[in-house]
């Protein structure tokens, strides 16, 4: 393993000469994610509960370098960090899958505007790197505003009715997956859409949570 790590580092050093890059978390040279920031992605999976009563397993705290890594993937097209971020997300998903024996994973879909802006869905991208194939059962029902500058009540109003199921979901059980647990409004909206189609939501999993709201 030590030999493989040495070879990997040598290849990364050679690649950095040809294609200079900086760490998306701290700005250090030569790595998409430096060793220090990579260590911050060690998951600590913890169950939390939304105001709507959904149990959500979270892996990381959405702050400092971790926050910058996630934002780089979502807002700066830094898809080169998705594989590393997929590992803590996979840990949250694994915990969520223990809630039942026939649970299907469903990614909360990105907004239409977000998908057009990026050209990809961050959650689906991370799940693909994690080797998880989500069930494509939810889709956008209407456009929404950017959530970032909205308060708790405004976020809930913004996403209410924004998702719908593609088909009847009677008798099926689901684990919802999203990137960051902030107020819980997006998870609640996804749960509503699944339940209205006859499905059961056993829980959810996210890459990170906002300490200010879920400390």
N, C-alpha and C. Protein backbone atom coordinates (compact mmCIF):
# COMPACT_ATOMS: atom_id res chain seq x y z
N UNK A 1 0.83 -1.21 0.00
CA UNK A 1 0.00 0.00 0.00
C UNK A 1 0.86 1.26 0.00
N UNK A 2 2.01 1.19 0.73
CA UNK A 2 2.89 2.35 0.78
C UNK A 2 3.49 2.65 -0.59
N UNK A 3 3.82 1.57 -1.33
CA UNK A 3 4.36 1.73 -2.68
C UNK A 3 3.33 2.37 -3.60
N UNK A 4 2.08 1.89 -3.50
CA UNK A 4 1.01 2.44 -4.33
C UNK A 4 0.79 3.92 -4.02
N UNK A 5 0.84 4.29 -2.73
CA UNK A 5 0.66 5.69 -2.36
C UNK A 5 1.78 6.55 -2.92
N UNK A 6 3.00 6.02 -2.91
CA UNK A 6 4.15 6.76 -3.46
C UNK A 6 3.99 6.98 -4.95
N UNK A 7 3.57 5.92 -5.64
CA UNK A 7 3.35 6.02 -7.10
C UNK A 7 2.24 7.01 -7.40
N UNK A 8 1.16 6.94 -6.63
CA UNK A 8 0.04 7.86 -6.83
C UNK A 8 0.48 9.31 -6.66
N UNK A 9 1.23 9.58 -5.59
CA UNK A 9 1.69 10.94 -5.34
C UNK A 9 2.61 11.43 -6.46
N UNK A 10 3.46 10.54 -6.98
CA UNK A 10 4.35 10.92 -8.07
C UNK A 10 3.56 11.27 -9.32
N UNK A 11 2.51 10.49 -9.60
CA UNK A 11 1.68 10.76 -10.76
C UNK A 11 0.93 12.09 -10.60
N UNK A 12 0.45 12.35 -9.39
CA UNK A 12 -0.25 13.61 -9.13
C UNK A 12 0.70 14.79 -9.27
N UNK A 13 1.94 14.63 -8.81
CA UNK A 13 2.92 15.71 -8.96
C UNK A 13 3.20 16.00 -10.43
N UNK A 14 3.32 14.93 -11.24
CA UNK A 14 3.57 15.11 -12.67
C UNK A 14 2.38 15.78 -13.34
N UNK A 15 1.18 15.38 -12.95
CA UNK A 15 -0.03 15.96 -13.54
C UNK A 15 -0.15 17.44 -13.17
N UNK A 16 0.26 17.78 -11.94
CA UNK A 16 0.17 19.17 -11.48
C UNK A 16 1.06 20.08 -12.30
N UNK A 17 2.17 19.56 -12.81
CA UNK A 17 3.05 20.36 -13.65
C UNK A 17 2.37 20.67 -14.98
N UNK A 18 1.67 19.66 -15.52
CA UNK A 18 1.01 19.83 -16.82
C UNK A 18 -0.28 20.63 -16.70
N UNK A 19 -1.04 20.37 -15.64
CA UNK A 19 -2.35 21.01 -15.44
C UNK A 19 -2.41 21.58 -14.03
N UNK A 20 -1.89 22.77 -13.79
CA UNK A 20 -1.88 23.34 -12.43
C UNK A 20 -3.29 23.43 -11.85
N UNK A 21 -3.42 23.06 -10.57
CA UNK A 21 -4.70 23.10 -9.90
C UNK A 21 -4.46 23.49 -8.45
N UNK A 22 -5.48 23.97 -7.79
CA UNK A 22 -5.35 24.29 -6.37
C UNK A 22 -6.44 23.58 -5.60
N UNK A 23 -6.18 23.35 -4.32
CA UNK A 23 -7.13 22.67 -3.46
C UNK A 23 -8.42 23.49 -3.38
N UNK A 24 -9.54 22.83 -3.62
CA UNK A 24 -10.83 23.52 -3.59
C UNK A 24 -11.24 23.91 -2.18
N UNK A 25 -10.57 23.33 -1.17
CA UNK A 25 -10.92 23.65 0.21
C UNK A 25 -10.12 24.78 0.81
N UNK A 26 -8.80 24.80 0.53
CA UNK A 26 -7.94 25.80 1.20
C UNK A 26 -7.07 26.59 0.22
N UNK A 27 -7.06 26.21 -1.06
CA UNK A 27 -6.27 26.95 -2.03
C UNK A 27 -4.84 26.50 -2.16
N UNK A 28 -4.43 25.46 -1.45
CA UNK A 28 -3.05 24.95 -1.57
C UNK A 28 -2.80 24.46 -3.00
N UNK A 29 -1.57 24.58 -3.45
CA UNK A 29 -1.22 24.23 -4.82
C UNK A 29 -1.16 22.72 -5.03
N UNK A 30 -1.41 22.33 -6.29
CA UNK A 30 -1.06 21.02 -6.85
C UNK A 30 -2.02 19.86 -6.56
N UNK A 31 -3.09 20.08 -5.78
CA UNK A 31 -4.03 18.99 -5.54
C UNK A 31 -5.46 19.54 -5.61
N UNK A 32 -6.37 18.77 -6.18
CA UNK A 32 -7.78 19.16 -6.16
C UNK A 32 -8.27 19.24 -4.72
N UNK A 33 -7.82 18.29 -3.89
CA UNK A 33 -8.05 18.33 -2.45
C UNK A 33 -6.74 17.94 -1.79
N UNK A 34 -6.19 18.83 -0.98
CA UNK A 34 -4.91 18.54 -0.32
C UNK A 34 -5.12 17.51 0.80
N UNK A 35 -4.02 17.00 1.32
CA UNK A 35 -4.10 15.97 2.35
C UNK A 35 -4.82 16.48 3.60
N UNK A 36 -4.57 17.74 3.97
CA UNK A 36 -5.21 18.28 5.17
C UNK A 36 -6.73 18.36 5.00
N UNK A 37 -7.18 18.83 3.86
CA UNK A 37 -8.62 18.94 3.62
C UNK A 37 -9.25 17.56 3.45
N UNK A 38 -8.51 16.64 2.84
CA UNK A 38 -9.02 15.28 2.67
C UNK A 38 -9.29 14.64 4.03
N UNK A 39 -8.42 14.93 5.01
CA UNK A 39 -8.62 14.37 6.35
C UNK A 39 -9.89 14.90 6.99
N UNK A 40 -10.33 16.10 6.60
CA UNK A 40 -11.55 16.68 7.17
C UNK A 40 -12.81 16.00 6.65
N UNK A 41 -12.67 15.15 5.63
CA UNK A 41 -13.82 14.45 5.06
C UNK A 41 -14.07 13.10 5.72
N UNK A 42 -13.35 12.81 6.80
CA UNK A 42 -13.60 11.59 7.56
C UNK A 42 -14.99 11.70 8.19
N UNK A 43 -15.92 10.83 7.84
CA UNK A 43 -17.31 11.03 8.27
C UNK A 43 -17.55 10.70 9.74
N UNK A 44 -18.45 11.47 10.33
CA UNK A 44 -18.98 11.18 11.65
C UNK A 44 -20.50 11.15 11.50
N UNK A 45 -21.01 10.00 11.15
CA UNK A 45 -22.44 9.89 10.78
C UNK A 45 -23.30 10.00 12.03
N UNK A 46 -24.23 10.96 11.99
CA UNK A 46 -25.08 11.25 13.14
C UNK A 46 -26.52 11.42 12.68
N UNK A 47 -27.49 10.82 13.38
CA UNK A 47 -28.89 11.02 13.03
C UNK A 47 -29.42 12.34 13.57
N UNK A 48 -30.16 13.05 12.74
CA UNK A 48 -30.82 14.29 13.15
C UNK A 48 -32.27 14.20 12.68
N UNK A 49 -33.12 15.05 13.20
CA UNK A 49 -34.54 15.00 12.86
C UNK A 49 -35.01 16.35 12.36
N UNK A 50 -35.67 16.37 11.21
CA UNK A 50 -36.20 17.61 10.66
C UNK A 50 -37.47 18.00 11.41
N UNK A 51 -37.91 19.23 11.18
CA UNK A 51 -39.16 19.69 11.80
C UNK A 51 -40.34 18.85 11.34
N UNK A 52 -40.21 18.24 10.16
CA UNK A 52 -41.27 17.39 9.64
C UNK A 52 -41.19 15.96 10.13
N UNK A 53 -40.21 15.66 10.99
CA UNK A 53 -40.13 14.33 11.59
C UNK A 53 -39.33 13.31 10.81
N UNK A 54 -38.57 13.73 9.81
CA UNK A 54 -37.76 12.79 9.03
C UNK A 54 -36.39 12.64 9.68
N UNK A 55 -35.97 11.40 9.92
CA UNK A 55 -34.63 11.14 10.43
C UNK A 55 -33.62 11.28 9.30
N UNK A 56 -32.63 12.12 9.51
CA UNK A 56 -31.61 12.39 8.48
C UNK A 56 -30.24 12.03 9.04
N UNK A 57 -29.51 11.17 8.34
CA UNK A 57 -28.14 10.83 8.72
C UNK A 57 -27.20 11.78 7.99
N UNK A 58 -26.36 12.46 8.76
CA UNK A 58 -25.42 13.43 8.19
C UNK A 58 -23.99 12.99 8.49
N UNK A 59 -23.05 13.35 7.60
CA UNK A 59 -21.67 12.88 7.75
C UNK A 59 -20.69 13.96 8.18
N UNK A 60 -20.88 15.19 7.72
CA UNK A 60 -19.90 16.26 7.93
C UNK A 60 -20.57 17.54 8.41
N UNK A 61 -19.78 18.41 9.02
CA UNK A 61 -20.26 19.73 9.40
C UNK A 61 -20.04 20.68 8.21
N UNK A 62 -21.08 21.42 7.85
CA UNK A 62 -21.00 22.33 6.71
C UNK A 62 -20.39 23.64 7.18
N UNK A 63 -19.06 23.67 7.24
CA UNK A 63 -18.34 24.86 7.69
C UNK A 63 -16.91 24.82 7.18
N UNK A 64 -16.29 26.00 7.14
CA UNK A 64 -14.89 26.18 6.76
C UNK A 64 -14.51 25.40 5.49
N UNK A 65 -13.45 24.59 5.54
CA UNK A 65 -12.96 23.94 4.33
C UNK A 65 -13.98 23.00 3.71
N UNK A 66 -14.73 22.29 4.55
CA UNK A 66 -15.74 21.38 4.02
C UNK A 66 -16.80 22.16 3.24
N UNK A 67 -17.22 23.28 3.79
CA UNK A 67 -18.20 24.12 3.09
C UNK A 67 -17.65 24.59 1.74
N UNK A 68 -16.37 25.01 1.73
CA UNK A 68 -15.77 25.49 0.48
C UNK A 68 -15.66 24.37 -0.55
N UNK A 69 -15.36 23.16 -0.10
CA UNK A 69 -15.28 22.02 -1.02
C UNK A 69 -16.64 21.75 -1.67
N UNK A 70 -17.69 21.75 -0.85
CA UNK A 70 -19.03 21.48 -1.38
C UNK A 70 -19.47 22.59 -2.33
N UNK A 71 -19.23 23.85 -1.95
CA UNK A 71 -19.59 24.96 -2.82
C UNK A 71 -18.79 24.94 -4.12
N UNK A 72 -17.53 24.50 -4.05
CA UNK A 72 -16.72 24.42 -5.26
C UNK A 72 -17.33 23.43 -6.24
N UNK A 73 -17.82 22.30 -5.72
CA UNK A 73 -18.46 21.31 -6.58
C UNK A 73 -19.78 21.85 -7.14
N UNK A 74 -20.54 22.57 -6.31
CA UNK A 74 -21.87 23.00 -6.72
C UNK A 74 -21.86 24.26 -7.57
N UNK A 75 -20.94 25.19 -7.26
CA UNK A 75 -21.01 26.51 -7.88
C UNK A 75 -19.83 26.85 -8.79
N UNK A 76 -18.74 26.10 -8.72
CA UNK A 76 -17.55 26.43 -9.50
C UNK A 76 -17.15 25.32 -10.48
N UNK A 77 -18.06 24.38 -10.70
CA UNK A 77 -17.81 23.27 -11.63
C UNK A 77 -16.59 22.44 -11.26
N UNK A 78 -16.26 22.38 -9.97
CA UNK A 78 -15.14 21.56 -9.53
C UNK A 78 -15.61 20.11 -9.33
N UNK A 79 -15.93 19.47 -10.44
CA UNK A 79 -16.36 18.07 -10.36
C UNK A 79 -15.21 17.14 -9.97
N UNK A 80 -13.98 17.67 -9.96
CA UNK A 80 -12.83 16.85 -9.58
C UNK A 80 -12.83 16.52 -8.08
N UNK A 81 -13.69 17.16 -7.30
CA UNK A 81 -13.75 16.85 -5.87
C UNK A 81 -14.92 15.91 -5.54
N UNK A 82 -15.73 15.58 -6.53
CA UNK A 82 -16.95 14.79 -6.28
C UNK A 82 -16.64 13.40 -5.76
N UNK A 83 -15.58 12.78 -6.27
CA UNK A 83 -15.26 11.42 -5.83
C UNK A 83 -14.91 11.40 -4.33
N UNK A 84 -14.11 12.37 -3.89
CA UNK A 84 -13.74 12.42 -2.47
C UNK A 84 -14.96 12.71 -1.60
N UNK A 85 -15.83 13.61 -2.06
CA UNK A 85 -17.04 13.93 -1.29
C UNK A 85 -18.02 12.77 -1.28
N UNK A 86 -17.95 11.91 -2.27
CA UNK A 86 -18.89 10.78 -2.33
C UNK A 86 -18.68 9.79 -1.20
N UNK A 87 -17.46 9.74 -0.66
CA UNK A 87 -17.16 8.75 0.38
C UNK A 87 -17.90 9.03 1.69
N UNK A 88 -17.85 10.27 2.22
CA UNK A 88 -18.67 10.52 3.41
C UNK A 88 -20.17 10.44 3.14
N UNK A 89 -20.59 10.83 1.94
CA UNK A 89 -22.02 10.69 1.61
C UNK A 89 -22.40 9.22 1.63
N UNK A 90 -21.54 8.37 1.08
CA UNK A 90 -21.82 6.93 1.06
C UNK A 90 -21.97 6.38 2.48
N UNK A 91 -21.20 6.93 3.43
CA UNK A 91 -21.30 6.49 4.82
C UNK A 91 -22.68 6.83 5.39
N UNK A 92 -23.19 8.03 5.08
CA UNK A 92 -24.54 8.41 5.52
C UNK A 92 -25.60 7.51 4.90
N UNK A 93 -25.44 7.24 3.61
CA UNK A 93 -26.40 6.39 2.90
C UNK A 93 -26.40 4.98 3.51
N UNK A 94 -25.21 4.46 3.80
CA UNK A 94 -25.11 3.12 4.37
C UNK A 94 -25.87 3.03 5.70
N UNK A 95 -25.76 4.08 6.53
CA UNK A 95 -26.51 4.08 7.79
C UNK A 95 -28.01 4.13 7.53
N UNK A 96 -28.41 4.93 6.55
CA UNK A 96 -29.82 5.04 6.24
C UNK A 96 -30.42 3.74 5.74
N UNK A 97 -29.63 2.97 5.02
CA UNK A 97 -30.12 1.71 4.47
C UNK A 97 -30.37 0.66 5.54
N UNK A 98 -29.88 0.91 6.76
CA UNK A 98 -30.14 -0.04 7.84
C UNK A 98 -31.55 0.11 8.40
N UNK A 99 -32.28 1.12 7.95
CA UNK A 99 -33.63 1.36 8.47
C UNK A 99 -34.66 0.37 7.93
N UNK A 100 -34.31 -0.38 6.90
CA UNK A 100 -35.24 -1.35 6.32
C UNK A 100 -34.50 -2.36 5.48
N UNK A 101 -35.24 -3.28 4.90
CA UNK A 101 -34.61 -4.34 4.12
C UNK A 101 -34.83 -4.19 2.62
N UNK A 102 -35.74 -3.33 2.22
CA UNK A 102 -36.02 -3.17 0.79
C UNK A 102 -36.07 -1.69 0.41
N UNK A 103 -35.17 -0.92 1.01
CA UNK A 103 -35.19 0.53 0.77
C UNK A 103 -34.56 0.87 -0.57
N UNK A 104 -35.22 1.78 -1.28
CA UNK A 104 -34.66 2.32 -2.52
C UNK A 104 -34.10 3.72 -2.24
N UNK A 105 -32.95 4.00 -2.80
CA UNK A 105 -32.34 5.32 -2.66
C UNK A 105 -32.90 6.25 -3.73
N UNK A 106 -33.30 7.43 -3.33
CA UNK A 106 -33.79 8.42 -4.29
C UNK A 106 -33.08 9.75 -4.03
N UNK A 107 -32.42 10.27 -5.05
CA UNK A 107 -31.74 11.56 -4.94
C UNK A 107 -32.77 12.68 -5.07
N UNK A 108 -32.70 13.64 -4.16
CA UNK A 108 -33.54 14.83 -4.30
C UNK A 108 -33.05 15.58 -5.55
N UNK A 109 -33.89 15.75 -6.57
CA UNK A 109 -33.40 16.34 -7.82
C UNK A 109 -33.03 17.80 -7.69
N UNK A 110 -32.01 18.20 -8.44
CA UNK A 110 -31.62 19.61 -8.48
C UNK A 110 -32.72 20.43 -9.14
N UNK A 111 -32.76 21.71 -8.82
CA UNK A 111 -33.74 22.57 -9.48
C UNK A 111 -33.41 22.67 -10.97
N UNK A 112 -34.39 23.02 -11.75
CA UNK A 112 -34.17 23.14 -13.20
C UNK A 112 -33.11 24.19 -13.51
N UNK A 113 -33.19 25.33 -12.78
CA UNK A 113 -32.22 26.41 -13.01
C UNK A 113 -30.82 25.96 -12.63
N UNK A 114 -30.72 25.23 -11.50
CA UNK A 114 -29.42 24.76 -11.06
C UNK A 114 -28.81 23.78 -12.04
N UNK A 115 -29.63 22.89 -12.58
CA UNK A 115 -29.11 21.92 -13.54
C UNK A 115 -28.66 22.61 -14.83
N UNK A 116 -29.44 23.58 -15.28
CA UNK A 116 -29.05 24.30 -16.50
C UNK A 116 -27.75 25.06 -16.29
N UNK A 117 -27.59 25.63 -15.11
CA UNK A 117 -26.39 26.43 -14.82
C UNK A 117 -25.14 25.55 -14.75
N UNK A 118 -25.26 24.37 -14.14
CA UNK A 118 -24.09 23.51 -13.94
C UNK A 118 -23.88 22.54 -15.09
N UNK A 119 -24.99 22.00 -15.57
CA UNK A 119 -24.89 20.93 -16.56
C UNK A 119 -24.82 19.56 -15.92
N UNK A 120 -24.98 19.48 -14.60
CA UNK A 120 -24.97 18.21 -13.88
C UNK A 120 -25.68 18.38 -12.54
N UNK A 121 -26.06 17.26 -11.95
CA UNK A 121 -26.72 17.24 -10.65
C UNK A 121 -25.69 16.77 -9.61
N UNK A 122 -25.27 17.63 -8.67
CA UNK A 122 -24.21 17.26 -7.71
C UNK A 122 -24.51 15.99 -6.91
N UNK A 123 -25.76 15.83 -6.45
CA UNK A 123 -26.08 14.66 -5.64
C UNK A 123 -25.98 13.38 -6.47
N UNK A 124 -26.55 13.41 -7.67
CA UNK A 124 -26.47 12.23 -8.54
C UNK A 124 -25.02 11.92 -8.91
N UNK A 125 -24.22 12.97 -9.10
CA UNK A 125 -22.81 12.77 -9.43
C UNK A 125 -22.08 12.06 -8.30
N UNK A 126 -22.30 12.50 -7.07
CA UNK A 126 -21.65 11.86 -5.92
C UNK A 126 -22.12 10.42 -5.74
N UNK A 127 -23.41 10.19 -5.92
CA UNK A 127 -23.92 8.82 -5.79
C UNK A 127 -23.32 7.91 -6.84
N UNK A 128 -23.14 8.42 -8.04
CA UNK A 128 -22.53 7.62 -9.10
C UNK A 128 -21.10 7.24 -8.72
N UNK A 129 -20.34 8.19 -8.16
CA UNK A 129 -18.99 7.89 -7.71
C UNK A 129 -19.00 6.88 -6.57
N UNK A 130 -20.06 6.89 -5.77
CA UNK A 130 -20.16 5.97 -4.64
C UNK A 130 -20.66 4.59 -5.06
N UNK A 131 -21.00 4.44 -6.33
CA UNK A 131 -21.51 3.16 -6.81
C UNK A 131 -22.95 2.90 -6.45
N UNK A 132 -23.70 3.98 -6.18
CA UNK A 132 -25.11 3.85 -5.81
C UNK A 132 -25.96 4.32 -6.97
N UNK A 133 -26.90 3.50 -7.40
CA UNK A 133 -27.79 3.88 -8.49
C UNK A 133 -29.15 4.26 -7.90
N UNK A 134 -29.48 5.56 -7.85
CA UNK A 134 -30.76 5.97 -7.26
C UNK A 134 -31.94 5.67 -8.17
N UNK A 135 -33.07 5.45 -7.54
CA UNK A 135 -34.33 5.28 -8.29
C UNK A 135 -34.77 6.65 -8.79
N UNK A 136 -35.11 6.76 -10.06
CA UNK A 136 -35.51 8.04 -10.64
C UNK A 136 -37.04 8.18 -10.50
N UNK A 137 -37.46 8.55 -9.31
CA UNK A 137 -38.90 8.61 -9.04
C UNK A 137 -39.41 10.03 -8.81
N UNK A 138 -38.52 11.00 -8.60
CA UNK A 138 -38.94 12.38 -8.37
C UNK A 138 -38.47 13.28 -9.50
N UNK A 139 -39.25 14.31 -9.76
CA UNK A 139 -38.88 15.30 -10.77
C UNK A 139 -39.40 16.66 -10.34
N UNK A 140 -38.84 17.71 -10.91
CA UNK A 140 -39.29 19.06 -10.59
C UNK A 140 -40.69 19.30 -11.14
N UNK A 141 -41.55 19.91 -10.33
CA UNK A 141 -42.91 20.22 -10.76
C UNK A 141 -43.05 21.69 -11.16
N UNK A 142 -42.18 22.52 -10.63
CA UNK A 142 -42.20 23.94 -10.95
C UNK A 142 -40.84 24.55 -10.61
N UNK A 143 -40.61 25.76 -11.09
CA UNK A 143 -39.35 26.45 -10.81
C UNK A 143 -39.34 26.99 -9.38
N UNK A 144 -38.16 27.12 -8.81
CA UNK A 144 -37.98 27.69 -7.47
C UNK A 144 -36.92 28.78 -7.51
N UNK A 145 -36.92 29.62 -6.49
CA UNK A 145 -35.88 30.64 -6.36
C UNK A 145 -34.66 30.02 -5.68
N UNK A 146 -33.52 30.71 -5.77
CA UNK A 146 -32.32 30.26 -5.07
C UNK A 146 -32.58 30.34 -3.56
N UNK A 147 -32.27 29.25 -2.84
CA UNK A 147 -32.59 29.15 -1.42
C UNK A 147 -31.61 29.93 -0.53
N UNK A 148 -30.42 30.19 -1.02
CA UNK A 148 -29.31 30.65 -0.20
C UNK A 148 -29.65 31.85 0.68
N UNK A 149 -30.34 32.84 0.15
CA UNK A 149 -30.58 34.08 0.89
C UNK A 149 -31.92 34.06 1.64
N UNK A 150 -32.62 32.94 1.64
CA UNK A 150 -33.95 32.88 2.24
C UNK A 150 -33.90 32.40 3.69
N UNK A 151 -34.86 32.87 4.47
CA UNK A 151 -34.99 32.41 5.85
C UNK A 151 -35.74 31.09 5.91
N UNK A 152 -35.95 30.60 7.14
CA UNK A 152 -36.57 29.29 7.33
C UNK A 152 -37.95 29.22 6.70
N UNK A 153 -38.83 30.17 7.04
CA UNK A 153 -40.19 30.15 6.50
C UNK A 153 -40.20 30.37 5.00
N UNK A 154 -39.31 31.25 4.53
CA UNK A 154 -39.24 31.53 3.08
C UNK A 154 -38.76 30.31 2.30
N UNK A 155 -37.82 29.56 2.87
CA UNK A 155 -37.34 28.35 2.20
C UNK A 155 -38.47 27.33 2.07
N UNK A 156 -39.23 27.16 3.14
CA UNK A 156 -40.33 26.20 3.10
C UNK A 156 -41.36 26.59 2.05
N UNK A 157 -41.69 27.89 1.98
CA UNK A 157 -42.65 28.38 1.00
C UNK A 157 -42.11 28.24 -0.42
N UNK A 158 -40.80 28.47 -0.58
CA UNK A 158 -40.18 28.43 -1.90
C UNK A 158 -40.24 27.05 -2.53
N UNK A 159 -40.04 26.00 -1.71
CA UNK A 159 -39.98 24.64 -2.27
C UNK A 159 -41.31 23.90 -2.19
N UNK A 160 -42.27 24.46 -1.47
CA UNK A 160 -43.55 23.75 -1.31
C UNK A 160 -44.20 23.51 -2.68
N UNK A 161 -44.50 22.25 -2.98
CA UNK A 161 -45.13 21.89 -4.24
C UNK A 161 -44.19 21.87 -5.43
N UNK A 162 -42.86 21.91 -5.17
CA UNK A 162 -41.90 22.01 -6.27
C UNK A 162 -41.49 20.65 -6.83
N UNK A 163 -41.85 19.56 -6.14
CA UNK A 163 -41.49 18.22 -6.61
C UNK A 163 -42.74 17.37 -6.79
N UNK A 164 -42.62 16.38 -7.64
CA UNK A 164 -43.70 15.40 -7.81
C UNK A 164 -43.09 14.06 -8.20
N UNK A 165 -43.86 13.02 -7.93
CA UNK A 165 -43.42 11.68 -8.31
C UNK A 165 -43.72 11.43 -9.79
N UNK A 166 -42.86 10.66 -10.43
CA UNK A 166 -43.05 10.34 -11.84
C UNK A 166 -44.10 9.27 -12.05
N UNK A 167 -44.45 8.54 -10.99
CA UNK A 167 -45.30 7.36 -11.11
C UNK A 167 -45.90 7.05 -9.75
N UNK A 168 -46.91 6.17 -9.67
CA UNK A 168 -47.39 5.72 -8.36
C UNK A 168 -46.27 4.95 -7.64
N UNK A 169 -46.20 5.13 -6.31
CA UNK A 169 -45.13 4.52 -5.54
C UNK A 169 -45.65 3.61 -4.44
N UNK A 170 -46.86 3.12 -4.61
CA UNK A 170 -47.50 2.29 -3.58
C UNK A 170 -46.64 1.08 -3.22
N UNK A 171 -46.47 0.88 -1.90
CA UNK A 171 -45.76 -0.29 -1.41
C UNK A 171 -44.25 -0.19 -1.45
N UNK A 172 -43.70 0.93 -1.89
CA UNK A 172 -42.25 1.07 -2.00
C UNK A 172 -41.71 1.95 -0.86
N UNK A 173 -40.51 1.63 -0.38
CA UNK A 173 -39.89 2.35 0.73
C UNK A 173 -38.63 3.06 0.23
N UNK A 174 -38.40 4.28 0.74
CA UNK A 174 -37.33 5.11 0.19
C UNK A 174 -36.45 5.74 1.26
N UNK A 175 -35.19 5.94 0.85
CA UNK A 175 -34.24 6.76 1.59
C UNK A 175 -33.92 7.96 0.71
N UNK A 176 -34.24 9.16 1.17
CA UNK A 176 -33.98 10.38 0.41
C UNK A 176 -32.52 10.78 0.58
N UNK A 177 -31.90 11.30 -0.46
CA UNK A 177 -30.50 11.72 -0.38
C UNK A 177 -30.37 13.13 -0.94
N UNK A 178 -29.72 14.01 -0.16
CA UNK A 178 -29.47 15.39 -0.58
C UNK A 178 -28.05 15.76 -0.18
N UNK A 179 -27.59 16.94 -0.59
CA UNK A 179 -26.21 17.31 -0.28
C UNK A 179 -26.06 17.89 1.12
N UNK A 180 -26.83 18.94 1.46
CA UNK A 180 -26.68 19.60 2.76
C UNK A 180 -28.04 19.72 3.45
N UNK A 181 -28.08 19.36 4.72
CA UNK A 181 -29.27 19.57 5.53
C UNK A 181 -29.16 20.97 6.14
N UNK A 182 -30.03 21.87 5.68
CA UNK A 182 -30.01 23.24 6.21
C UNK A 182 -31.24 23.39 7.11
N UNK A 183 -32.36 23.84 6.56
CA UNK A 183 -33.57 23.94 7.37
C UNK A 183 -34.38 22.66 7.36
N UNK A 184 -34.12 21.80 6.38
CA UNK A 184 -34.90 20.58 6.24
C UNK A 184 -36.08 20.73 5.30
N UNK A 185 -36.27 21.92 4.73
CA UNK A 185 -37.44 22.15 3.88
C UNK A 185 -37.40 21.33 2.60
N UNK A 186 -36.22 21.15 2.01
CA UNK A 186 -36.13 20.37 0.77
C UNK A 186 -36.41 18.90 1.04
N UNK A 187 -35.86 18.37 2.12
CA UNK A 187 -36.13 16.98 2.50
C UNK A 187 -37.63 16.79 2.76
N UNK A 188 -38.24 17.76 3.45
CA UNK A 188 -39.67 17.67 3.74
C UNK A 188 -40.51 17.68 2.47
N UNK A 189 -40.12 18.51 1.50
CA UNK A 189 -40.86 18.57 0.24
C UNK A 189 -40.72 17.25 -0.53
N UNK A 190 -39.51 16.69 -0.55
CA UNK A 190 -39.31 15.41 -1.23
C UNK A 190 -40.13 14.31 -0.55
N UNK A 191 -40.16 14.33 0.78
CA UNK A 191 -40.94 13.34 1.52
C UNK A 191 -42.43 13.48 1.20
N UNK A 192 -42.90 14.71 1.12
CA UNK A 192 -44.31 14.92 0.77
C UNK A 192 -44.64 14.34 -0.60
N UNK A 193 -43.77 14.59 -1.58
CA UNK A 193 -44.02 14.11 -2.94
C UNK A 193 -44.05 12.59 -2.98
N UNK A 194 -43.15 11.95 -2.25
CA UNK A 194 -43.13 10.47 -2.21
C UNK A 194 -44.39 9.94 -1.55
N UNK A 195 -44.77 10.53 -0.43
CA UNK A 195 -45.93 10.04 0.32
C UNK A 195 -47.22 10.25 -0.44
N UNK A 196 -47.35 11.38 -1.14
CA UNK A 196 -48.57 11.64 -1.90
C UNK A 196 -48.73 10.64 -3.05
N UNK A 197 -47.61 10.06 -3.49
CA UNK A 197 -47.67 9.06 -4.56
C UNK A 197 -47.83 7.65 -4.00
N UNK A 198 -47.96 7.54 -2.68
CA UNK A 198 -48.20 6.23 -2.07
C UNK A 198 -46.98 5.56 -1.49
N UNK A 199 -45.79 6.18 -1.60
CA UNK A 199 -44.58 5.59 -1.08
C UNK A 199 -44.36 5.90 0.39
N UNK A 200 -43.40 5.23 0.99
CA UNK A 200 -43.04 5.44 2.40
C UNK A 200 -41.61 5.94 2.49
N UNK A 201 -41.41 7.01 3.25
CA UNK A 201 -40.07 7.55 3.48
C UNK A 201 -39.60 7.06 4.85
N UNK A 202 -38.55 6.24 4.85
CA UNK A 202 -38.02 5.71 6.11
C UNK A 202 -36.97 6.64 6.71
N UNK A 203 -36.38 7.49 5.89
CA UNK A 203 -35.36 8.39 6.39
C UNK A 203 -34.66 9.10 5.26
N UNK A 204 -33.57 9.78 5.59
CA UNK A 204 -32.81 10.53 4.58
C UNK A 204 -31.33 10.49 4.95
N UNK A 205 -30.50 10.84 3.99
CA UNK A 205 -29.05 10.91 4.20
C UNK A 205 -28.52 12.13 3.46
N UNK A 206 -27.60 12.84 4.10
CA UNK A 206 -26.97 13.99 3.45
C UNK A 206 -25.46 13.94 3.68
N UNK A 207 -24.75 14.65 2.83
CA UNK A 207 -23.32 14.77 2.97
C UNK A 207 -22.95 15.57 4.21
N UNK A 208 -23.68 16.67 4.46
CA UNK A 208 -23.32 17.57 5.55
C UNK A 208 -24.57 18.19 6.17
N UNK A 209 -24.36 18.87 7.31
CA UNK A 209 -25.45 19.59 7.97
C UNK A 209 -24.92 20.95 8.40
N UNK A 210 -25.84 21.89 8.55
CA UNK A 210 -25.48 23.24 8.99
C UNK A 210 -25.51 23.29 10.52
N UNK A 211 -24.34 23.45 11.17
CA UNK A 211 -24.30 23.43 12.65
C UNK A 211 -25.18 24.49 13.30
N UNK A 212 -25.31 25.65 12.65
CA UNK A 212 -26.09 26.74 13.23
C UNK A 212 -27.54 26.32 13.48
N UNK A 213 -28.06 25.49 12.59
CA UNK A 213 -29.47 25.09 12.69
C UNK A 213 -29.65 23.70 13.29
N UNK A 214 -28.61 22.87 13.25
CA UNK A 214 -28.74 21.49 13.73
C UNK A 214 -27.61 21.12 14.67
N UNK A 215 -27.12 22.08 15.43
CA UNK A 215 -25.98 21.80 16.30
C UNK A 215 -26.30 20.86 17.44
